[in-house]
PDB file of all heavy atoms in Angstrom:
ATOM      1  N   GLY A   1     -80.192 158.336 -28.693  1.00  0.00           N
ATOM      2  CA  GLY A   1     -80.723 159.149 -29.737  1.00  0.00           C
ATOM      3  C   GLY A   1     -82.001 159.851 -29.380  1.00  0.00           C
ATOM      4  O   GLY A   1     -82.420 160.807 -29.991  1.00  0.00           O
ATOM      5  N   GLN A   2     -82.622 159.340 -28.298  1.00  0.00           N
ATOM      6  CA  GLN A   2     -83.940 159.926 -27.892  1.00  0.00           C
ATOM      7  C   GLN A   2     -83.737 161.298 -27.226  1.00  0.00           C
ATOM      8  O   GLN A   2     -84.716 161.987 -27.016  1.00  0.00           O
ATOM      9  CB  GLN A   2     -84.542 158.959 -26.875  1.00  0.00           C
ATOM     10  CG  GLN A   2     -84.858 157.590 -27.388  1.00  0.00           C
ATOM     11  CD  GLN A   2     -86.056 157.454 -28.309  1.00  0.00           C
ATOM     12  OE1 GLN A   2     -87.177 157.509 -27.847  1.00  0.00           O
ATOM     13  NE2 GLN A   2     -85.723 157.304 -29.536  1.00  0.00           N
ATOM     14  N   VAL A   3     -82.496 161.547 -26.778  1.00  0.00           N
ATOM     15  CA  VAL A   3     -82.283 162.847 -26.140  1.00  0.00           C
ATOM     16  C   VAL A   3     -81.432 163.805 -26.898  1.00  0.00           C
ATOM     17  O   VAL A   3     -81.023 164.865 -26.417  1.00  0.00           O
ATOM     18  CB  VAL A   3     -81.548 162.602 -24.761  1.00  0.00           C
ATOM     19  CG1 VAL A   3     -82.431 161.721 -23.825  1.00  0.00           C
ATOM     20  CG2 VAL A   3     -80.216 161.954 -24.903  1.00  0.00           C
ATOM     21  N   ILE A   4     -81.131 163.460 -28.186  1.00  0.00           N
ATOM     22  CA  ILE A   4     -80.237 164.356 -29.013  1.00  0.00           C
ATOM     23  C   ILE A   4     -81.246 165.184 -29.930  1.00  0.00           C
ATOM     24  O   ILE A   4     -81.999 164.565 -30.575  1.00  0.00           O
ATOM     25  CB  ILE A   4     -79.390 163.481 -29.848  1.00  0.00           C
ATOM     26  CG1 ILE A   4     -78.340 162.734 -28.975  1.00  0.00           C
ATOM     27  CG2 ILE A   4     -78.604 164.391 -30.866  1.00  0.00           C
ATOM     28  CD1 ILE A   4     -77.346 161.933 -29.771  1.00  0.00           C
ATOM     29  N   PRO A   5     -81.122 166.451 -29.955  1.00  0.00           N
ATOM     30  CA  PRO A   5     -81.917 167.388 -30.852  1.00  0.00           C
ATOM     31  C   PRO A   5     -81.515 167.041 -32.288  1.00  0.00           C
ATOM     32  O   PRO A   5     -80.464 166.501 -32.495  1.00  0.00           O
ATOM     33  CB  PRO A   5     -81.441 168.779 -30.396  1.00  0.00           C
ATOM     34  CG  PRO A   5     -80.733 168.636 -29.175  1.00  0.00           C
ATOM     35  CD  PRO A   5     -80.147 167.290 -29.061  1.00  0.00           C
ATOM     36  N   PRO A   6     -82.366 167.390 -33.250  1.00  0.00           N
ATOM     37  CA  PRO A   6     -83.534 168.198 -33.033  1.00  0.00           C
ATOM     38  C   PRO A   6     -84.825 167.412 -32.749  1.00  0.00           C
ATOM     39  O   PRO A   6     -85.766 167.972 -32.310  1.00  0.00           O
ATOM     40  CB  PRO A   6     -83.702 168.913 -34.406  1.00  0.00           C
ATOM     41  CG  PRO A   6     -83.170 167.875 -35.409  1.00  0.00           C
ATOM     42  CD  PRO A   6     -82.004 167.174 -34.701  1.00  0.00           C
ATOM     43  N   ILE A   7     -84.962 166.112 -33.088  1.00  0.00           N
ATOM     44  CA  ILE A   7     -86.174 165.389 -32.954  1.00  0.00           C
ATOM     45  C   ILE A   7     -86.383 164.801 -31.584  1.00  0.00           C
ATOM     46  O   ILE A   7     -87.456 164.756 -31.030  1.00  0.00           O
ATOM     47  CB  ILE A   7     -86.307 164.360 -34.028  1.00  0.00           C
ATOM     48  CG1 ILE A   7     -86.129 164.948 -35.461  1.00  0.00           C
ATOM     49  CG2 ILE A   7     -87.499 163.573 -33.918  1.00  0.00           C
ATOM     50  CD1 ILE A   7     -86.189 163.937 -36.577  1.00  0.00           C
ATOM     51  N   MET A   8     -85.318 164.249 -30.916  1.00  0.00           N
ATOM     52  CA  MET A   8     -85.379 163.777 -29.501  1.00  0.00           C
ATOM     53  C   MET A   8     -86.486 162.729 -29.370  1.00  0.00           C
ATOM     54  O   MET A   8     -87.275 162.898 -28.426  1.00  0.00           O
ATOM     55  CB  MET A   8     -85.607 164.907 -28.608  1.00  0.00           C
ATOM     56  CG  MET A   8     -84.471 165.895 -28.480  1.00  0.00           C
ATOM     57  SD  MET A   8     -84.801 167.347 -27.508  1.00  0.00           S
ATOM     58  CE  MET A   8     -85.233 166.647 -25.911  1.00  0.00           C
ATOM     59  N   GLY A   9     -86.672 161.775 -30.271  1.00  0.00           N
ATOM     60  CA  GLY A   9     -87.668 160.819 -30.146  1.00  0.00           C
ATOM     61  C   GLY A   9     -89.097 161.384 -30.147  1.00  0.00           C
ATOM     62  O   GLY A   9     -90.014 160.827 -29.567  1.00  0.00           O
ATOM     63  N   ALA A  10     -89.244 162.573 -30.761  1.00  0.00           N
ATOM     64  CA  ALA A  10     -90.595 163.284 -30.875  1.00  0.00           C
ATOM     65  C   ALA A  10     -91.031 163.858 -29.551  1.00  0.00           C
ATOM     66  O   ALA A  10     -92.019 164.582 -29.560  1.00  0.00           O
ATOM     67  CB  ALA A  10     -91.589 162.347 -31.424  1.00  0.00           C
ATOM     68  N   ALA A  11     -90.353 163.599 -28.449  1.00  0.00           N
ATOM     69  CA  ALA A  11     -90.808 164.202 -27.127  1.00  0.00           C
ATOM     70  C   ALA A  11     -90.591 165.662 -27.067  1.00  0.00           C
ATOM     71  O   ALA A  11     -91.341 166.288 -26.241  1.00  0.00           O
ATOM     72  CB  ALA A  11     -90.024 163.425 -26.018  1.00  0.00           C
ATOM     73  N   ALA A  12     -89.704 166.255 -27.827  1.00  0.00           N
ATOM     74  CA  ALA A  12     -89.477 167.635 -27.754  1.00  0.00           C
ATOM     75  C   ALA A  12     -90.830 168.381 -28.202  1.00  0.00           C
ATOM     76  O   ALA A  12     -91.075 169.498 -27.574  1.00  0.00           O
ATOM     77  CB  ALA A  12     -88.357 168.043 -28.730  1.00  0.00           C
ATOM     78  N   PHE A  13     -91.506 167.880 -29.147  1.00  0.00           N
ATOM     79  CA  PHE A  13     -92.750 168.517 -29.545  1.00  0.00           C
ATOM     80  C   PHE A  13     -93.911 168.419 -28.396  1.00  0.00           C
ATOM     81  O   PHE A  13     -94.577 169.251 -28.194  1.00  0.00           O
ATOM     82  CB  PHE A  13     -93.308 167.753 -30.776  1.00  0.00           C
ATOM     83  CG  PHE A  13     -92.254 167.736 -31.823  1.00  0.00           C
ATOM     84  CD1 PHE A  13     -91.807 166.514 -32.265  1.00  0.00           C
ATOM     85  CD2 PHE A  13     -91.628 168.758 -32.441  1.00  0.00           C
ATOM     86  CE1 PHE A  13     -90.787 166.402 -33.230  1.00  0.00           C
ATOM     87  CE2 PHE A  13     -90.618 168.680 -33.277  1.00  0.00           C
ATOM     88  CZ  PHE A  13     -90.210 167.494 -33.724  1.00  0.00           C
ATOM     89  N   LEU A  14     -93.845 167.252 -27.732  1.00  0.00           N
ATOM     90  CA  LEU A  14     -94.756 167.086 -26.620  1.00  0.00           C
ATOM     91  C   LEU A  14     -94.337 167.997 -25.446  1.00  0.00           C
ATOM     92  O   LEU A  14     -95.248 168.612 -24.816  1.00  0.00           O
ATOM     93  CB  LEU A  14     -94.714 165.620 -26.063  1.00  0.00           C
ATOM     94  CG  LEU A  14     -95.248 164.545 -27.106  1.00  0.00           C
ATOM     95  CD1 LEU A  14     -94.877 163.164 -26.621  1.00  0.00           C
ATOM     96  CD2 LEU A  14     -96.645 164.671 -27.434  1.00  0.00           C
ATOM     97  N   MET A  15     -93.078 168.167 -25.276  1.00  0.00           N
ATOM     98  CA  MET A  15     -92.620 169.084 -24.198  1.00  0.00           C
ATOM     99  C   MET A  15     -93.013 170.445 -24.486  1.00  0.00           C
ATOM    100  O   MET A  15     -93.330 171.269 -23.605  1.00  0.00           O
ATOM    101  CB  MET A  15     -91.059 168.918 -24.015  1.00  0.00           C
ATOM    102  CG  MET A  15     -90.566 169.396 -22.682  1.00  0.00           C
ATOM    103  SD  MET A  15     -88.734 169.164 -22.498  1.00  0.00           S
ATOM    104  CE  MET A  15     -88.607 167.354 -22.578  1.00  0.00           C
ATOM    105  N   ALA A  16     -92.864 170.908 -25.744  1.00  0.00           N
ATOM    106  CA  ALA A  16     -93.285 172.272 -26.117  1.00  0.00           C
ATOM    107  C   ALA A  16     -94.779 172.486 -25.764  1.00  0.00           C
ATOM    108  O   ALA A  16     -95.115 173.502 -25.336  1.00  0.00           O
ATOM    109  CB  ALA A  16     -93.028 172.520 -27.597  1.00  0.00           C
ATOM    110  N   ASP A  17     -95.596 171.457 -26.028  1.00  0.00           N
ATOM    111  CA  ASP A  17     -96.948 171.554 -25.791  1.00  0.00           C
ATOM    112  C   ASP A  17     -97.322 171.609 -24.241  1.00  0.00           C
ATOM    113  O   ASP A  17     -98.112 172.472 -23.783  1.00  0.00           O
ATOM    114  CB  ASP A  17     -97.776 170.456 -26.299  1.00  0.00           C
ATOM    115  CG  ASP A  17     -99.256 170.509 -26.107  1.00  0.00           C
ATOM    116  OD1 ASP A  17     -99.930 171.321 -26.751  1.00  0.00           O
ATOM    117  OD2 ASP A  17     -99.830 169.694 -25.235  1.00  0.00           O
ATOM    118  N   PHE A  18     -96.573 170.803 -23.409  1.00  0.00           N
ATOM    119  CA  PHE A  18     -96.772 170.842 -21.962  1.00  0.00           C
ATOM    120  C   PHE A  18     -96.247 172.052 -21.236  1.00  0.00           C
ATOM    121  O   PHE A  18     -96.847 172.616 -20.246  1.00  0.00           O
ATOM    122  CB  PHE A  18     -96.209 169.526 -21.382  1.00  0.00           C
ATOM    123  CG  PHE A  18     -96.972 168.348 -21.467  1.00  0.00           C
ATOM    124  CD1 PHE A  18     -96.542 167.300 -22.226  1.00  0.00           C
ATOM    125  CD2 PHE A  18     -98.142 168.252 -20.752  1.00  0.00           C
ATOM    126  CE1 PHE A  18     -97.251 166.164 -22.370  1.00  0.00           C
ATOM    127  CE2 PHE A  18     -98.933 167.110 -20.862  1.00  0.00           C
ATOM    128  CZ  PHE A  18     -98.486 166.006 -21.616  1.00  0.00           C
ATOM    129  N   THR A  19     -95.068 172.580 -21.712  1.00  0.00           N
ATOM    130  CA  THR A  19     -94.463 173.695 -20.978  1.00  0.00           C
ATOM    131  C   THR A  19     -94.823 175.100 -21.585  1.00  0.00           C
ATOM    132  O   THR A  19     -94.658 175.958 -20.870  1.00  0.00           O
ATOM    133  CB  THR A  19     -92.862 173.546 -21.118  1.00  0.00           C
ATOM    134  OG1 THR A  19     -92.514 173.572 -22.515  1.00  0.00           O
ATOM    135  CG2 THR A  19     -92.368 172.314 -20.515  1.00  0.00           C
ATOM    136  N   GLY A  20     -95.345 175.125 -22.807  1.00  0.00           N
ATOM    137  CA  GLY A  20     -95.670 176.374 -23.450  1.00  0.00           C
ATOM    138  C   GLY A  20     -94.455 177.010 -23.959  1.00  0.00           C
ATOM    139  O   GLY A  20     -94.521 178.225 -24.402  1.00  0.00           O
ATOM    140  N   LEU A  21     -93.268 176.395 -23.985  1.00  0.00           N
ATOM    141  CA  LEU A  21     -92.030 176.995 -24.495  1.00  0.00           C
ATOM    142  C   LEU A  21     -91.871 176.685 -25.889  1.00  0.00           C
ATOM    143  O   LEU A  21     -92.311 175.685 -26.440  1.00  0.00           O
ATOM    144  CB  LEU A  21     -90.802 176.384 -23.730  1.00  0.00           C
ATOM    145  CG  LEU A  21     -90.754 176.723 -22.243  1.00  0.00           C
ATOM    146  CD1 LEU A  21     -89.611 175.838 -21.578  1.00  0.00           C
ATOM    147  CD2 LEU A  21     -90.603 178.146 -21.999  1.00  0.00           C
ATOM    148  N   PRO A  22     -91.187 177.576 -26.707  1.00  0.00           N
ATOM    149  CA  PRO A  22     -90.967 177.271 -28.117  1.00  0.00           C
ATOM    150  C   PRO A  22     -90.135 176.007 -28.343  1.00  0.00           C
ATOM    151  O   PRO A  22     -89.217 175.649 -27.517  1.00  0.00           O
ATOM    152  CB  PRO A  22     -90.198 178.588 -28.549  1.00  0.00           C
ATOM    153  CG  PRO A  22     -90.446 179.631 -27.620  1.00  0.00           C
ATOM    154  CD  PRO A  22     -90.644 178.818 -26.313  1.00  0.00           C
ATOM    155  N   TYR A  23     -90.418 175.369 -29.393  1.00  0.00           N
ATOM    156  CA  TYR A  23     -89.722 174.108 -29.692  1.00  0.00           C
ATOM    157  C   TYR A  23     -88.258 174.372 -29.787  1.00  0.00           C
ATOM    158  O   TYR A  23     -87.401 173.502 -29.356  1.00  0.00           O
ATOM    159  CB  TYR A  23     -90.307 173.502 -30.978  1.00  0.00           C
ATOM    160  CG  TYR A  23     -89.361 172.486 -31.629  1.00  0.00           C
ATOM    161  CD1 TYR A  23     -89.365 171.171 -31.162  1.00  0.00           C
ATOM    162  CD2 TYR A  23     -88.442 172.796 -32.649  1.00  0.00           C
ATOM    163  CE1 TYR A  23     -88.433 170.332 -31.628  1.00  0.00           C
ATOM    164  CE2 TYR A  23     -87.562 171.857 -33.087  1.00  0.00           C
ATOM    165  CZ  TYR A  23     -87.573 170.585 -32.679  1.00  0.00           C
ATOM    166  OH  TYR A  23     -86.766 169.684 -33.153  1.00  0.00           O
ATOM    167  N   LEU A  24     -87.799 175.450 -30.480  1.00  0.00           N
ATOM    168  CA  LEU A  24     -86.391 175.607 -30.630  1.00  0.00           C
ATOM    169  C   LEU A  24     -85.694 175.852 -29.366  1.00  0.00           C
ATOM    170  O   LEU A  24     -84.516 175.535 -29.174  1.00  0.00           O
ATOM    171  CB  LEU A  24     -86.138 176.842 -31.637  1.00  0.00           C
ATOM    172  CG  LEU A  24     -86.388 176.583 -33.090  1.00  0.00           C
ATOM    173  CD1 LEU A  24     -86.146 177.835 -33.845  1.00  0.00           C
ATOM    174  CD2 LEU A  24     -85.534 175.420 -33.571  1.00  0.00           C
ATOM    175  N   THR A  25     -86.434 176.489 -28.364  1.00  0.00           N
ATOM    176  CA  THR A  25     -85.774 176.641 -27.024  1.00  0.00           C
ATOM    177  C   THR A  25     -85.511 175.282 -26.373  1.00  0.00           C
ATOM    178  O   THR A  25     -84.481 175.078 -25.799  1.00  0.00           O
ATOM    179  CB  THR A  25     -86.789 177.413 -26.080  1.00  0.00           C
ATOM    180  OG1 THR A  25     -87.000 178.695 -26.696  1.00  0.00           O
ATOM    181  CG2 THR A  25     -86.227 177.661 -24.744  1.00  0.00           C
ATOM    182  N   ILE A  26     -86.483 174.397 -26.503  1.00  0.00           N
ATOM    183  CA  ILE A  26     -86.261 173.069 -25.922  1.00  0.00           C
ATOM    184  C   ILE A  26     -85.156 172.262 -26.667  1.00  0.00           C
ATOM    185  O   ILE A  26     -84.317 171.684 -25.973  1.00  0.00           O
ATOM    186  CB  ILE A  26     -87.611 172.277 -26.017  1.00  0.00           C
ATOM    187  CG1 ILE A  26     -88.644 172.936 -25.133  1.00  0.00           C
ATOM    188  CG2 ILE A  26     -87.472 170.786 -25.573  1.00  0.00           C
ATOM    189  CD1 ILE A  26     -89.938 172.404 -25.181  1.00  0.00           C
ATOM    190  N   ALA A  27     -85.120 172.337 -27.951  1.00  0.00           N
ATOM    191  CA  ALA A  27     -84.130 171.556 -28.747  1.00  0.00           C
ATOM    192  C   ALA A  27     -82.670 172.248 -28.428  1.00  0.00           C
ATOM    193  O   ALA A  27     -81.763 171.471 -28.204  1.00  0.00           O
ATOM    194  CB  ALA A  27     -84.402 171.711 -30.148  1.00  0.00           C
ATOM    195  N   GLY A  28     -82.680 173.547 -28.298  1.00  0.00           N
ATOM    196  CA  GLY A  28     -81.358 174.093 -27.947  1.00  0.00           C
ATOM    197  C   GLY A  28     -80.976 173.841 -26.540  1.00  0.00           C
ATOM    198  O   GLY A  28     -79.726 173.565 -26.292  1.00  0.00           O
ATOM    199  N   ALA A  29     -81.822 173.790 -25.629  1.00  0.00           N
ATOM    200  CA  ALA A  29     -81.495 173.421 -24.181  1.00  0.00           C
ATOM    201  C   ALA A  29     -81.031 171.997 -24.114  1.00  0.00           C
ATOM    202  O   ALA A  29     -80.159 171.661 -23.181  1.00  0.00           O
ATOM    203  CB  ALA A  29     -82.706 173.643 -23.353  1.00  0.00           C
TER     204      ALA A  29
END
């Protein structure tokens, strides 16, 4: 469940901050 969008164990939001990519881009990927 930690790797399934949209929430991904909340790490998707952290990843958006680190990479500078939009959250929806990360969740879709």
